[in-house]
Amino acid sequence: MQLEQIIPYIQIVIAVLLVTAILLQQGKAAMGSSFGQSGEFSSTRRGPEKHLFTSTIVLGVIFIGLALLNLLI
């Protein structure tokens, strides 16, 4: 298989992982505002939440890179 045939499959896997990572993030401010509380809540990310946030950024960059690579090939 050539690279231009493999890239779409890799993009699908990365897209599924990216959507999963986004959905797993907890929206603390959004949850409070949906129940009538003010949405202003600030905290630092620690532990698994920080790793999930970082992996979301990395997956997004990989996805954009693959999309640009797919345009160039």
Protein backbone atom coordinates (compact mmCIF):
# COMPACT_ATOMS: atom_id res chain seq x y z
CA MET A 1 0.00 0.00 0.00
CA GLN A 2 1.14 3.48 -0.74
CA LEU A 3 1.11 6.40 1.66
CA GLU A 4 -1.86 8.15 0.01
CA GLN A 5 -3.92 4.98 0.54
CA ILE A 6 -2.97 4.64 4.22
CA ILE A 7 -3.46 8.27 5.33
CA PRO A 8 -7.30 8.24 5.28
CA TYR A 9 -7.38 5.21 7.57
CA ILE A 10 -4.92 6.83 9.97
CA GLN A 11 -7.05 10.01 9.91
CA ILE A 12 -10.14 8.02 10.84
CA VAL A 13 -8.39 6.43 13.82
CA ILE A 14 -6.98 9.79 14.96
CA ALA A 15 -10.40 11.44 14.55
CA VAL A 16 -12.09 8.78 16.69
CA LEU A 17 -9.39 9.15 19.37
CA LEU A 18 -9.69 12.95 19.23
CA VAL A 19 -13.47 12.89 19.64
CA THR A 20 -13.14 10.44 22.52
CA ALA A 21 -10.54 12.61 24.24
CA ILE A 22 -12.72 15.71 23.85
CA LEU A 23 -15.80 13.96 25.21
CA LEU A 24 -13.90 12.56 28.20
CA GLN A 25 -12.83 16.01 29.38
CA GLN A 26 -14.89 17.27 32.26
CA GLY A 27 -16.55 20.63 31.73
CA LYS A 28 -16.85 21.80 35.34
CA ALA A 29 -17.83 25.35 34.43
CA ALA A 30 -20.31 24.19 31.83
CA MET A 31 -22.00 21.83 34.27
CA GLY A 32 -22.44 24.56 36.86
CA SER A 33 -23.79 27.08 34.40
CA SER A 34 -26.32 24.60 33.06
CA PHE A 35 -27.87 24.36 36.52
CA GLY A 36 -28.09 28.13 37.02
CA GLN A 37 -24.79 28.72 38.79
CA SER A 38 -22.22 31.18 37.58
CA GLY A 39 -19.81 29.61 35.14
CA GLU A 40 -16.71 31.13 36.66
CA PHE A 41 -14.61 28.35 38.12
CA SER A 42 -10.87 28.10 37.77
CA SER A 43 -8.62 25.22 38.68
CA THR A 44 -5.33 23.78 37.56
CA ARG A 45 -5.26 20.52 35.69
CA ARG A 46 -3.56 17.71 37.56
CA GLY A 47 -3.00 14.02 37.04
CA PRO A 48 -5.09 12.24 34.41
CA GLU A 49 -6.95 15.43 33.49
CA LYS A 50 -3.67 17.09 32.48
CA HIS A 51 -2.61 14.05 30.42
CA LEU A 52 -6.00 13.99 28.70
CA PHE A 53 -5.74 17.71 27.92
CA THR A 54 -2.22 17.30 26.52
CA SER A 55 -3.18 14.25 24.47
CA THR A 56 -6.13 16.17 23.00
CA ILE A 57 -3.78 18.89 21.79
CA VAL A 58 -1.31 16.34 20.39
CA LEU A 59 -4.06 14.42 18.59
CA GLY A 60 -5.40 17.67 17.13
CA VAL A 61 -1.97 18.64 15.82
CA ILE A 62 -1.46 15.16 14.34
CA PHE A 63 -4.87 15.29 12.67
CA ILE A 64 -4.19 18.71 11.13
CA GLY A 65 -0.75 17.56 10.02
CA LEU A 66 -2.20 14.48 8.34
CA ALA A 67 -4.86 16.60 6.62
CA LEU A 68 -2.20 18.94 5.24
CA LEU A 69 -0.05 15.99 4.20
CA ASN A 70 -3.04 14.49 2.43
CA LEU A 71 -3.50 17.74 0.48
CA LEU A 72 0.14 17.79 -0.60
CA ILE A 73 0.25 14.20 -1.80
